[in-house]
Each structure stands twice: as structure tokens, then as C-alpha cells.
């Protein structure tokens, strides 16, 4: 079943919202062999793995639809997808002025670039130490307040601040795929409780692939037997579609997760099927 932030079963209202969400997101879409169907597309793309997919239209109140309510109710560590809220918080709190300003370690390593590394570069390549340095500058107290205000998963800040999203603590930060897409939808609309500038700059640093007429923004993350692909699909004259795919099990590989997610988007006719 879908779960609320407190872990209780969400009732009929969420099921109605989920149905509305997928109807909005996939309105008018079809494949060559007939109308799209999330469960069927999910089975074709994620066969043989323990996974969840959540999808929703970016519009307020659209709700999210999921591949399996029981599996998608599970909260998992965000891994590198945590760099999304971390970027928002860092820019909002002035820890960095923007995503293009170089960051240097307080205690540099011999191989660190002399000029530092920007959040944009660290986010896209990725370069984990940059976000670890930024997390230390933000601090646990600021993360605690900001994540709670953003309603980001369970908003737990446990252990070393630079490892908040890594899944190394049983009481650490976790969130579900439906919570990921809700967060991303509010980020994309600019409705988080932070400055509009911090949200716009975060949206801009997402890597984007052009697939047909669609621009697909991706962020992957792998840690603690968990793998994520999250992002959105922008298409001309259509509302954006937000998605999150989460896989649980050993030996997660970002490229394999990306391939499965690309297949899913094609099966859903959100991008041209290959």
C-alpha cells in the first residue's frame, strides 16, 4: 500500500489522486499496439528486479500513480539524488552563491583541482567530495530544519552530516518513490519553502537528454543496495511528467537503471520507443 509520512495506510483519497495523476500525465498517449498502461510498461522495463516506479503530472494536486502500492510504500536512502535538496539548501542559505562558483575543500587533497569544482560539475559528473564539503558547511541543524520544511521523506538527519543520504544508518534519511516525485514536482514548480533562485538554479543543473521532441532530465544514485533514477520529461505544448524509479538489491549499476528507465518512458509513449 502507499504510505503516508507517518507510515499509516493512505486511504481512498490517495487512490483517487493516483488515478487522476496518471490520467493527467499520460493523457492522449498511446503506443503502436494500443493505449499506455503503467503496470504493463513497468513489467516490460523492470522484469526480474525488485523495483518501484512512481509517476505524476507536474500540475498541483495531480497525485502520483505507482507500479505497485506495497513495494512503492517502502522508504529507501536517497543516495546521490540527495544532491537535489542539498543544492537547493546550499544556494538558499548562501553557502554557495550559485551552482557555477567553484568549491574547494577546507583541507585540500593533493589531486584536487587548484581552481575548485562547481556544484554544476560535481552534480553532473559526479564528484562526491564537493557535496560532502558543502554538507559540512550547511551543518546538521540547518539540514534538519530545511528537510522538515521541504517535507523530504522522513527528514531524519543522523550520523556524519556529509553522509546523510548514503543509507549507512538504520535511523537515517529515507524516502519513497511517491515522495520523490512529490518533492520534484514542487521543485519544478518553484514551490519549495526556499528562494525561487535556489530552486531555479537546481533545476538548471539537471543533466538533460533530448529524445525525439522530449527533453528528459535525469539524476541517478546508488548506495546501500539501492538504486534510483529520478527526473522529469518536458515536451512541447504538454505538461511536464515527473518520474522516480527505485530498485532494491545488490550490485546496482547506474547505466543499467538508466536503460530500464529509458525503456519505461518509451513504453509509456513519453519518449519515442526504441
Foldseek 3Di string as FASTA:
>chain_A
DAADLVGDDDDDVLVVLAVQFVCQVQPPFADPVGAFDQLVLLCVLPPPFQKKKWKGFLDPSNHIHMNDRVSQNDWDQPFLVVLLVLLLLCCLVPVDVAQAQFDAAPDHDPPAPPRHHGNLDCQVVNDLVRSLRSQVVCDPVNQLVQCVQLVQRNSAADDRRSCQRARPDPRGGIHGFSSVQVSVSCLVVQNRPGDSRSSVRSLVSFDWDCFPQKTWGWGWGDHDQKIKIWTWIDGPPGTIMTMMMMTGGPDDDRVSVVSSVVSSCCSSNSGPHD
